Amino acid sequence: MDKLTIQEEEAMQAVWQCKTGVIKDFLDAMPEPKPPYTTLASTIKNLERKGFVTAEKMGNSYLYRPQIVEEDYKKKFMNGFVSDYFQNSYKELVTFFAKEKKISAGDLQEIINMIENPKK
């Protein structure tokens, strides 16, 4: 699975949100500032080429659907991120956020509770 550019990730967020749609649907789902229609259309075509979306011809346009599940992409992205920036250590990742005061003691306790009492 290829890593997506920021522009491609933003487009995929809209595709995952809409689940299926035409370029205009994805454009409407994107936050401001929205890219130009033609830029988004090119980005979606790149996503199709990379295997992230599939296209089905519907009249004069194409209906697009995600080919990759959002959760699968997140797992792959996060594993690569932790590997690249935190020596493959999730402990290092959490420590970084704790030192930067981006995670509270309460948040950490919730995480500990989820680890100790996983939902099946």
N, C-alpha and C. Protein backbone atom coordinates (compact mmCIF):
# COMPACT_ATOMS: atom_id res chain seq x y z
N MET A 1 0.85 -1.17 0.00
CA MET A 1 0.00 0.00 0.00
C MET A 1 0.89 1.24 0.00
N ASP A 2 0.70 2.10 -0.99
CA ASP A 2 1.47 3.33 -1.09
C ASP A 2 1.09 4.30 0.02
N LYS A 3 2.06 5.12 0.42
CA LYS A 3 1.77 6.20 1.36
C LYS A 3 1.12 7.31 0.55
N LEU A 4 0.13 7.94 1.13
CA LEU A 4 -0.57 9.01 0.45
C LEU A 4 0.06 10.36 0.76
N THR A 5 -0.04 11.27 -0.20
CA THR A 5 0.36 12.65 0.04
C THR A 5 -0.71 13.30 0.92
N ILE A 6 -0.42 14.46 1.45
CA ILE A 6 -1.41 15.18 2.28
C ILE A 6 -2.67 15.44 1.47
N GLN A 7 -2.50 15.86 0.23
CA GLN A 7 -3.63 16.14 -0.65
C GLN A 7 -4.46 14.87 -0.88
N GLU A 8 -3.79 13.74 -1.10
CA GLU A 8 -4.50 12.48 -1.30
C GLU A 8 -5.21 12.03 -0.03
N GLU A 9 -4.56 12.23 1.12
CA GLU A 9 -5.20 11.86 2.39
C GLU A 9 -6.46 12.68 2.62
N GLU A 10 -6.41 13.97 2.33
CA GLU A 10 -7.59 14.82 2.49
C GLU A 10 -8.72 14.34 1.58
N ALA A 11 -8.37 13.98 0.35
CA ALA A 11 -9.38 13.47 -0.58
C ALA A 11 -9.94 12.14 -0.09
N MET A 12 -9.07 11.27 0.40
CA MET A 12 -9.55 9.97 0.90
C MET A 12 -10.46 10.14 2.11
N GLN A 13 -10.18 11.14 2.96
CA GLN A 13 -11.06 11.40 4.10
C GLN A 13 -12.47 11.70 3.60
N ALA A 14 -12.58 12.48 2.54
CA ALA A 14 -13.88 12.80 1.96
C ALA A 14 -14.53 11.55 1.35
N VAL A 15 -13.74 10.73 0.68
CA VAL A 15 -14.27 9.49 0.08
C VAL A 15 -14.78 8.57 1.18
N TRP A 16 -14.00 8.38 2.24
CA TRP A 16 -14.43 7.52 3.35
C TRP A 16 -15.69 8.09 4.01
N GLN A 17 -15.76 9.40 4.13
CA GLN A 17 -16.92 10.02 4.75
C GLN A 17 -18.18 9.80 3.90
N CYS A 18 -18.05 9.96 2.59
CA CYS A 18 -19.20 9.81 1.68
C CYS A 18 -19.52 8.35 1.38
N LYS A 19 -18.54 7.48 1.49
CA LYS A 19 -18.64 6.05 1.18
C LYS A 19 -18.75 5.77 -0.32
N THR A 20 -19.49 6.54 -1.03
CA THR A 20 -19.57 6.43 -2.49
C THR A 20 -20.04 7.78 -3.02
N GLY A 21 -19.57 8.15 -4.21
CA GLY A 21 -20.01 9.43 -4.76
C GLY A 21 -19.24 9.86 -5.97
N VAL A 22 -19.64 11.00 -6.47
CA VAL A 22 -18.96 11.64 -7.60
C VAL A 22 -18.04 12.73 -7.03
N ILE A 23 -17.23 13.31 -7.87
CA ILE A 23 -16.25 14.31 -7.42
C ILE A 23 -16.93 15.43 -6.63
N LYS A 24 -18.08 15.91 -7.09
CA LYS A 24 -18.77 17.01 -6.41
C LYS A 24 -19.15 16.62 -4.99
N ASP A 25 -19.57 15.36 -4.77
CA ASP A 25 -19.91 14.90 -3.42
C ASP A 25 -18.69 15.01 -2.50
N PHE A 26 -17.54 14.61 -3.00
CA PHE A 26 -16.32 14.65 -2.20
C PHE A 26 -15.91 16.10 -1.93
N LEU A 27 -16.05 16.94 -2.95
CA LEU A 27 -15.71 18.35 -2.79
C LEU A 27 -16.60 18.99 -1.71
N ASP A 28 -17.89 18.67 -1.74
CA ASP A 28 -18.81 19.21 -0.73
C ASP A 28 -18.47 18.74 0.68
N ALA A 29 -17.90 17.54 0.80
CA ALA A 29 -17.57 16.97 2.11
C ALA A 29 -16.27 17.50 2.68
N MET A 30 -15.47 18.16 1.85
CA MET A 30 -14.16 18.64 2.29
C MET A 30 -14.28 19.96 3.04
N PRO A 31 -13.39 20.17 4.03
CA PRO A 31 -13.41 21.44 4.76
C PRO A 31 -12.82 22.58 3.91
N GLU A 32 -13.10 23.79 4.33
CA GLU A 32 -12.50 24.96 3.67
C GLU A 32 -11.03 25.05 4.07
N PRO A 33 -10.16 25.53 3.26
CA PRO A 33 -10.40 25.91 1.88
C PRO A 33 -10.43 24.67 0.98
N LYS A 34 -11.44 24.60 0.16
CA LYS A 34 -11.61 23.44 -0.73
C LYS A 34 -10.67 23.58 -1.94
N PRO A 35 -10.17 22.45 -2.42
CA PRO A 35 -9.33 22.53 -3.63
C PRO A 35 -10.22 22.81 -4.85
N PRO A 36 -9.64 23.28 -5.94
CA PRO A 36 -10.42 23.42 -7.17
C PRO A 36 -10.94 22.05 -7.61
N TYR A 37 -12.09 22.05 -8.28
CA TYR A 37 -12.72 20.81 -8.74
C TYR A 37 -11.74 19.97 -9.56
N THR A 38 -11.03 20.62 -10.49
CA THR A 38 -10.13 19.87 -11.37
C THR A 38 -8.96 19.25 -10.60
N THR A 39 -8.50 19.95 -9.57
CA THR A 39 -7.42 19.41 -8.73
C THR A 39 -7.90 18.18 -7.99
N LEU A 40 -9.11 18.26 -7.42
CA LEU A 40 -9.66 17.10 -6.71
C LEU A 40 -9.89 15.94 -7.68
N ALA A 41 -10.38 16.23 -8.87
CA ALA A 41 -10.60 15.17 -9.87
C ALA A 41 -9.29 14.47 -10.21
N SER A 42 -8.21 15.23 -10.38
CA SER A 42 -6.89 14.64 -10.66
C SER A 42 -6.41 13.79 -9.48
N THR A 43 -6.64 14.29 -8.27
CA THR A 43 -6.23 13.56 -7.06
C THR A 43 -6.99 12.24 -6.96
N ILE A 44 -8.29 12.28 -7.23
CA ILE A 44 -9.10 11.05 -7.17
C ILE A 44 -8.62 10.06 -8.24
N LYS A 45 -8.27 10.56 -9.42
CA LYS A 45 -7.72 9.68 -10.47
C LYS A 45 -6.42 9.02 -9.99
N ASN A 46 -5.56 9.79 -9.30
CA ASN A 46 -4.33 9.21 -8.75
C ASN A 46 -4.66 8.14 -7.71
N LEU A 47 -5.67 8.40 -6.90
CA LEU A 47 -6.08 7.41 -5.89
C LEU A 47 -6.60 6.14 -6.55
N GLU A 48 -7.28 6.31 -7.68
CA GLU A 48 -7.74 5.13 -8.43
C GLU A 48 -6.54 4.35 -8.98
N ARG A 49 -5.59 5.08 -9.53
CA ARG A 49 -4.38 4.43 -10.08
C ARG A 49 -3.63 3.67 -9.00
N LYS A 50 -3.58 4.23 -7.77
CA LYS A 50 -2.89 3.60 -6.65
C LYS A 50 -3.71 2.48 -6.00
N GLY A 51 -4.97 2.32 -6.41
CA GLY A 51 -5.79 1.24 -5.87
C GLY A 51 -6.57 1.60 -4.61
N PHE A 52 -6.66 2.88 -4.29
CA PHE A 52 -7.39 3.30 -3.09
C PHE A 52 -8.88 3.47 -3.35
N VAL A 53 -9.26 3.77 -4.60
CA VAL A 53 -10.67 3.89 -4.96
C VAL A 53 -10.92 3.12 -6.25
N THR A 54 -12.18 2.75 -6.44
CA THR A 54 -12.59 2.16 -7.71
C THR A 54 -13.58 3.11 -8.36
N ALA A 55 -13.65 3.06 -9.69
CA ALA A 55 -14.54 3.94 -10.44
C ALA A 55 -15.50 3.11 -11.28
N GLU A 56 -16.74 3.56 -11.33
CA GLU A 56 -17.76 2.91 -12.15
C GLU A 56 -18.40 3.99 -13.00
N LYS A 57 -18.39 3.81 -14.33
CA LYS A 57 -18.96 4.80 -15.24
C LYS A 57 -20.47 4.84 -15.07
N MET A 58 -20.97 6.05 -14.82
CA MET A 58 -22.41 6.27 -14.66
C MET A 58 -22.79 7.45 -15.55
N GLY A 59 -23.27 7.16 -16.75
CA GLY A 59 -23.61 8.24 -17.68
C GLY A 59 -22.36 8.97 -18.10
N ASN A 60 -22.34 10.27 -17.84
CA ASN A 60 -21.20 11.10 -18.24
C ASN A 60 -20.16 11.27 -17.14
N SER A 61 -20.37 10.64 -16.00
CA SER A 61 -19.41 10.80 -14.91
C SER A 61 -19.06 9.43 -14.32
N TYR A 62 -18.24 9.47 -13.29
CA TYR A 62 -17.82 8.25 -12.61
C TYR A 62 -18.28 8.29 -11.16
N LEU A 63 -18.69 7.13 -10.70
CA LEU A 63 -19.06 6.95 -9.29
C LEU A 63 -17.88 6.23 -8.63
N TYR A 64 -17.36 6.84 -7.58
CA TYR A 64 -16.17 6.31 -6.91
C TYR A 64 -16.54 5.70 -5.57
N ARG A 65 -15.81 4.63 -5.22
CA ARG A 65 -15.97 3.96 -3.93
C ARG A 65 -14.59 3.69 -3.36
N PRO A 66 -14.47 3.73 -2.02
CA PRO A 66 -13.17 3.38 -1.44
C PRO A 66 -12.86 1.90 -1.66
N GLN A 67 -11.65 1.61 -1.99
CA GLN A 67 -11.17 0.24 -2.16
C GLN A 67 -10.42 -0.20 -0.91
N ILE A 68 -9.95 0.75 -0.14
CA ILE A 68 -9.18 0.51 1.08
C ILE A 68 -10.03 0.95 2.27
N VAL A 69 -10.11 0.11 3.28
CA VAL A 69 -10.85 0.45 4.49
C VAL A 69 -10.02 1.46 5.29
N GLU A 70 -10.70 2.49 5.80
CA GLU A 70 -10.01 3.56 6.52
C GLU A 70 -9.19 3.01 7.69
N GLU A 71 -9.74 2.07 8.43
CA GLU A 71 -9.05 1.50 9.59
C GLU A 71 -7.75 0.80 9.16
N ASP A 72 -7.78 0.10 8.03
CA ASP A 72 -6.58 -0.57 7.52
C ASP A 72 -5.49 0.44 7.18
N TYR A 73 -5.89 1.57 6.55
CA TYR A 73 -4.91 2.60 6.22
C TYR A 73 -4.32 3.20 7.49
N LYS A 74 -5.16 3.48 8.47
CA LYS A 74 -4.68 4.06 9.73
C LYS A 74 -3.66 3.14 10.40
N LYS A 75 -3.94 1.84 10.42
CA LYS A 75 -3.01 0.90 11.04
C LYS A 75 -1.67 0.91 10.33
N LYS A 76 -1.72 0.86 9.00
CA LYS A 76 -0.48 0.84 8.22
C LYS A 76 0.28 2.15 8.41
N PHE A 77 -0.44 3.28 8.36
CA PHE A 77 0.20 4.58 8.52
C PHE A 77 0.84 4.70 9.90
N MET A 78 0.10 4.35 10.94
CA MET A 78 0.61 4.49 12.30
C MET A 78 1.80 3.57 12.55
N ASN A 79 1.74 2.36 12.03
CA ASN A 79 2.89 1.45 12.20
C ASN A 79 4.13 2.05 11.55
N GLY A 80 3.99 2.62 10.37
CA GLY A 80 5.13 3.24 9.69
C GLY A 80 5.60 4.48 10.43
N PHE A 81 4.67 5.27 10.93
CA PHE A 81 4.99 6.48 11.67
C PHE A 81 5.78 6.16 12.93
N VAL A 82 5.30 5.18 13.70
CA VAL A 82 5.98 4.79 14.94
C VAL A 82 7.36 4.21 14.61
N SER A 83 7.43 3.44 13.56
CA SER A 83 8.71 2.86 13.16
C SER A 83 9.70 3.95 12.73
N ASP A 84 9.25 4.91 11.93
CA ASP A 84 10.12 5.95 11.39
C ASP A 84 10.57 6.97 12.44
N TYR A 85 9.68 7.32 13.37
CA TYR A 85 9.97 8.43 14.27
C TYR A 85 10.20 8.04 15.73
N PHE A 86 9.81 6.82 16.10
CA PHE A 86 9.90 6.43 17.51
C PHE A 86 10.55 5.07 17.71
N GLN A 87 11.48 4.71 16.83
CA GLN A 87 12.24 3.47 16.91
C GLN A 87 11.33 2.26 17.14
N ASN A 88 10.16 2.28 16.51
CA ASN A 88 9.18 1.19 16.59
C ASN A 88 8.70 0.95 18.03
N SER A 89 8.70 2.01 18.85
CA SER A 89 8.30 1.90 20.25
C SER A 89 7.08 2.78 20.53
N TYR A 90 5.98 2.13 20.83
CA TYR A 90 4.77 2.89 21.19
C TYR A 90 4.96 3.57 22.54
N LYS A 91 5.80 3.00 23.38
CA LYS A 91 6.13 3.64 24.65
C LYS A 91 6.80 4.98 24.38
N GLU A 92 7.73 5.02 23.42
CA GLU A 92 8.39 6.27 23.06
C GLU A 92 7.38 7.29 22.52
N LEU A 93 6.42 6.81 21.75
CA LEU A 93 5.37 7.68 21.21
C LEU A 93 4.57 8.32 22.34
N VAL A 94 4.10 7.51 23.29
CA VAL A 94 3.32 8.02 24.41
C VAL A 94 4.16 8.95 25.28
N THR A 95 5.42 8.59 25.50
CA THR A 95 6.32 9.43 26.28
C THR A 95 6.49 10.80 25.63
N PHE A 96 6.62 10.81 24.31
CA PHE A 96 6.75 12.07 23.58
C PHE A 96 5.54 12.96 23.84
N PHE A 97 4.34 12.39 23.71
CA PHE A 97 3.13 13.19 23.91
C PHE A 97 2.98 13.62 25.36
N ALA A 98 3.41 12.79 26.30
CA ALA A 98 3.35 13.17 27.71
C ALA A 98 4.29 14.34 27.99
N LYS A 99 5.50 14.28 27.45
CA LYS A 99 6.47 15.36 27.65
C LYS A 99 6.00 16.67 27.01
N GLU A 100 5.31 16.55 25.90
CA GLU A 100 4.81 17.73 25.19
C GLU A 100 3.48 18.22 25.78
N LYS A 101 3.02 17.55 26.83
CA LYS A 101 1.76 17.89 27.50
C LYS A 101 0.57 17.82 26.53
N LYS A 102 0.60 16.82 25.66
CA LYS A 102 -0.49 16.59 24.71
C LYS A 102 -1.40 15.47 25.18
N ILE A 103 -1.01 14.82 26.27
CA ILE A 103 -1.81 13.74 26.84
C ILE A 103 -1.77 13.91 28.36
N SER A 104 -2.93 13.77 28.98
CA SER A 104 -3.01 14.00 30.43
C SER A 104 -2.88 12.69 31.20
N ALA A 105 -2.70 12.82 32.52
CA ALA A 105 -2.66 11.64 33.38
C ALA A 105 -3.98 10.88 33.30
N GLY A 106 -5.08 11.62 33.18
CA GLY A 106 -6.40 10.98 33.03
C GLY A 106 -6.50 10.18 31.74
N ASP A 107 -5.96 10.75 30.66
CA ASP A 107 -5.93 10.04 29.38
C ASP A 107 -5.11 8.76 29.50
N LEU A 108 -3.96 8.87 30.14
CA LEU A 108 -3.10 7.70 30.32
C LEU A 108 -3.80 6.63 31.15
N GLN A 109 -4.54 7.05 32.18
CA GLN A 109 -5.27 6.07 33.00
C GLN A 109 -6.34 5.37 32.17
N GLU A 110 -7.02 6.11 31.30
CA GLU A 110 -8.01 5.49 30.41
C GLU A 110 -7.35 4.46 29.49
N ILE A 111 -6.17 4.79 28.98
CA ILE A 111 -5.44 3.86 28.12
C ILE A 111 -5.05 2.61 28.91
N ILE A 112 -4.57 2.79 30.13
CA ILE A 112 -4.21 1.65 30.98
C ILE A 112 -5.44 0.78 31.22
N ASN A 113 -6.57 1.40 31.49
CA ASN A 113 -7.81 0.64 31.72
C ASN A 113 -8.21 -0.15 30.47
N MET A 114 -8.04 0.45 29.28
CA MET A 114 -8.36 -0.26 28.04
C MET A 114 -7.42 -1.44 27.83
N ILE A 115 -6.16 -1.29 28.20
CA ILE A 115 -5.20 -2.38 28.06
C ILE A 115 -5.52 -3.51 29.04
N GLU A 116 -5.83 -3.14 30.27
CA GLU A 116 -6.11 -4.14 31.30
C GLU A 116 -7.46 -4.81 31.14
N ASN A 117 -8.42 -4.10 30.54
CA ASN A 117 -9.77 -4.64 30.39
C ASN A 117 -10.24 -4.49 28.93
N PRO A 118 -9.59 -5.23 28.02
CA PRO A 118 -9.97 -5.07 26.60
C PRO A 118 -11.38 -5.59 26.36
N LYS A 119 -12.10 -4.87 25.49
CA LYS A 119 -13.44 -5.33 25.08
C LYS A 119 -13.26 -6.36 24.00
N LYS A 120 -13.99 -7.42 24.11
CA LYS A 120 -13.82 -8.50 23.12
C LYS A 120 -14.86 -8.45 22.06
